[in-house]
Amino acid sequence: MNLGSFWNLPPAVRKTLEVLTGKQTWTLDCYRLENGLWAFDLPLLLTWQELFVGGTELNFDHWYAKLTDKIPTKGSKMKVTVSSSVLEDQTTACRFLFNDDEFHTMSRTNQESASYYRDLESGLHIWLCPYVQFLFGVKPETLYVKMEPQ
């Protein structure tokens, strides 16, 4: 786990930050790292270099290449808006498939549950940690996504 990760914050701090969450739409400035993973920073929630893993990084590579006609490299950037409601000019939508029961078993509380979604345009499966639930206050059935290479 990354040192700047939200998950390294003490549980009491994470609980305090909940008052800032529950919004319907979030915009993340995402960037590609040297190891091929994508990450984002969200200083409002004391989060730095939170990683996209478990196939999500491959979906980001797919969209970056499709939208720019370039292969993403270290430092490639995308502004990603994700919402629980339809977005104007959205790039794709991702539908909830199932919870990651293995992650749920390993989590520190019964409330933390990672999940798999399917990108309805690319067809790729993506894995999202419980940060999604934290941001939205719930686990949305559908995530509407707008990706804008920078």
Protein backbone atom coordinates (compact mmCIF):
# COMPACT_ATOMS: atom_id res chain seq x y z
CA MET A 1 0.00 0.00 0.00
CA ASN A 2 1.22 3.47 -0.87
CA LEU A 3 2.36 5.76 1.96
CA GLY A 4 0.16 8.58 0.62
CA SER A 5 -2.82 6.28 0.41
CA PHE A 6 -6.05 7.19 2.14
CA TRP A 7 -6.02 3.71 3.66
CA ASN A 8 -2.92 4.52 5.70
CA LEU A 9 -4.75 7.25 7.60
CA PRO A 10 -5.90 6.37 11.12
CA PRO A 11 -9.54 5.17 11.18
CA ALA A 12 -10.56 8.17 13.31
CA VAL A 13 -9.23 10.58 10.66
CA ARG A 14 -10.98 8.65 7.88
CA LYS A 15 -14.22 8.82 9.86
CA THR A 16 -13.83 12.60 10.33
CA LEU A 17 -13.42 13.08 6.56
CA GLU A 18 -16.77 11.41 5.85
CA VAL A 19 -18.55 14.78 6.25
CA LEU A 20 -16.88 15.86 3.00
CA THR A 21 -18.12 12.86 1.00
CA GLY A 22 -21.45 11.64 -0.32
CA LYS A 23 -21.39 13.87 -3.40
CA GLN A 24 -22.94 12.66 -6.66
CA THR A 25 -19.99 13.66 -8.87
CA TRP A 26 -16.21 13.71 -8.38
CA THR A 27 -13.45 14.94 -10.70
CA LEU A 28 -10.02 13.39 -10.36
CA ASP A 29 -6.75 14.47 -11.96
CA CYS A 30 -5.22 11.12 -12.87
CA TYR A 31 -1.68 10.42 -14.01
CA ARG A 32 0.31 7.42 -15.16
CA LEU A 33 3.27 6.25 -13.13
CA GLU A 34 6.49 4.65 -14.32
CA ASN A 35 5.26 1.18 -13.30
CA GLY A 36 2.26 1.43 -15.65
CA LEU A 37 -0.30 2.08 -12.92
CA TRP A 38 -2.52 5.16 -12.84
CA ALA A 39 -3.02 7.23 -9.69
CA PHE A 40 -4.81 10.34 -8.45
CA ASP A 41 -4.44 12.91 -5.68
CA LEU A 42 -7.39 14.27 -3.73
CA PRO A 43 -5.93 16.67 -1.13
CA LEU A 44 -9.42 17.52 0.19
CA LEU A 45 -9.55 13.96 1.55
CA LEU A 46 -5.85 13.73 2.49
CA THR A 47 -5.23 11.34 -0.39
CA TRP A 48 -2.10 11.28 -2.52
CA GLN A 49 -1.04 8.83 -5.21
CA GLU A 50 -4.04 6.56 -4.67
CA LEU A 51 -3.54 3.76 -7.18
CA PHE A 52 -5.85 2.24 -9.77
CA VAL A 53 -5.13 -1.51 -9.94
CA GLY A 54 -6.82 -4.83 -10.70
CA GLY A 55 -7.52 -4.07 -14.36
CA THR A 56 -8.58 -0.47 -13.89
CA GLU A 57 -5.14 0.68 -15.06
CA LEU A 58 -5.61 -1.31 -18.29
CA ASN A 59 -8.95 0.39 -18.88
CA PHE A 60 -7.29 3.79 -18.37
CA ASP A 61 -4.60 2.79 -20.91
CA HIS A 62 -7.34 1.76 -23.34
CA TRP A 63 -9.20 5.07 -23.07
CA TYR A 64 -6.07 7.21 -23.19
CA ALA A 65 -4.94 5.45 -26.39
CA LYS A 66 -8.40 5.61 -27.95
CA LEU A 67 -8.90 9.30 -27.15
CA THR A 68 -5.40 10.49 -28.12
CA ASP A 69 -4.14 7.91 -30.67
CA LYS A 70 -1.04 7.66 -28.44
CA ILE A 71 0.23 4.94 -26.13
CA PRO A 72 0.22 6.23 -22.53
CA THR A 73 3.61 6.64 -20.86
CA LYS A 74 4.87 7.83 -17.50
CA GLY A 75 3.37 11.28 -16.91
CA SER A 76 0.35 10.84 -19.22
CA LYS A 77 -2.62 12.65 -17.66
CA MET A 78 -6.40 12.45 -17.78
CA LYS A 79 -9.10 14.40 -16.02
CA VAL A 80 -11.66 11.78 -15.00
CA THR A 81 -15.14 12.78 -13.89
CA VAL A 82 -17.13 9.99 -12.30
CA SER A 83 -20.76 10.31 -11.27
CA SER A 84 -23.68 8.27 -10.01
CA SER A 85 -25.88 10.04 -12.60
CA VAL A 86 -25.59 10.49 -16.35
CA LEU A 87 -22.96 13.02 -17.45
CA GLU A 88 -23.14 15.27 -20.46
CA ASP A 89 -20.63 14.04 -23.08
CA GLN A 90 -19.70 11.02 -20.96
CA THR A 91 -17.09 8.63 -22.33
CA THR A 92 -18.52 5.45 -20.87
CA ALA A 93 -20.52 3.90 -18.06
CA CYS A 94 -19.42 1.11 -15.72
CA ARG A 95 -21.94 -1.34 -14.30
CA PHE A 96 -21.49 -3.03 -10.92
CA LEU A 97 -20.88 -6.78 -11.30
CA PHE A 98 -20.09 -8.20 -7.86
CA ASN A 99 -18.25 -7.62 -4.60
CA ASP A 100 -14.70 -8.84 -4.18
CA ASP A 101 -15.41 -11.37 -1.42
CA GLU A 102 -11.71 -12.13 -0.94
CA PHE A 103 -10.99 -8.46 -0.23
CA HIS A 104 -14.03 -8.26 2.04
CA THR A 105 -12.69 -11.18 4.10
CA MET A 106 -9.31 -9.44 4.51
CA SER A 107 -10.73 -5.99 5.34
CA ARG A 108 -10.54 -4.58 8.83
CA THR A 109 -14.26 -3.93 9.09
CA ASN A 110 -17.30 -5.59 7.58
CA GLN A 111 -18.21 -2.30 5.90
CA GLU A 112 -15.21 -2.23 3.53
CA SER A 113 -15.97 -3.99 0.28
CA ALA A 114 -14.07 -3.74 -2.98
CA SER A 115 -16.02 -4.42 -6.14
CA TYR A 116 -15.80 -5.32 -9.78
CA TYR A 117 -17.44 -3.21 -12.45
CA ARG A 118 -17.62 -3.69 -16.23
CA ASP A 119 -16.91 -0.80 -18.58
CA LEU A 120 -19.88 -0.97 -20.95
CA GLU A 121 -17.96 0.55 -23.88
CA SER A 122 -14.55 -1.15 -23.66
CA GLY A 123 -15.95 -4.38 -22.19
CA LEU A 124 -13.08 -4.51 -19.68
CA HIS A 125 -13.58 -5.45 -16.05
CA ILE A 126 -12.26 -3.01 -13.48
CA TRP A 127 -11.60 -3.44 -9.77
CA LEU A 128 -12.45 -0.59 -7.43
CA CYS A 129 -11.49 -0.49 -3.77
CA PRO A 130 -13.92 0.73 -1.07
CA TYR A 131 -12.83 4.32 -1.77
CA VAL A 132 -15.76 4.41 -4.23
CA GLN A 133 -18.18 3.76 -1.37
CA PHE A 134 -16.38 6.37 0.71
CA LEU A 135 -16.66 9.04 -2.01
CA PHE A 136 -20.30 8.44 -2.89
CA GLY A 137 -21.59 7.26 0.49
CA VAL A 138 -22.95 4.17 -1.30
CA LYS A 139 -21.76 1.75 -3.94
CA PRO A 140 -23.41 3.03 -7.15
CA GLU A 141 -24.98 0.43 -9.41
CA THR A 142 -23.70 2.40 -12.41
CA LEU A 143 -20.77 4.81 -12.59
CA TYR A 144 -20.90 7.34 -15.42
CA VAL A 145 -17.43 8.38 -16.55
CA LYS A 146 -16.02 11.20 -18.64
CA MET A 147 -12.32 10.87 -19.52
CA GLU A 148 -10.42 13.85 -20.86
CA PRO A 149 -6.74 13.42 -21.75
CA GLN A 150 -4.70 16.45 -20.71
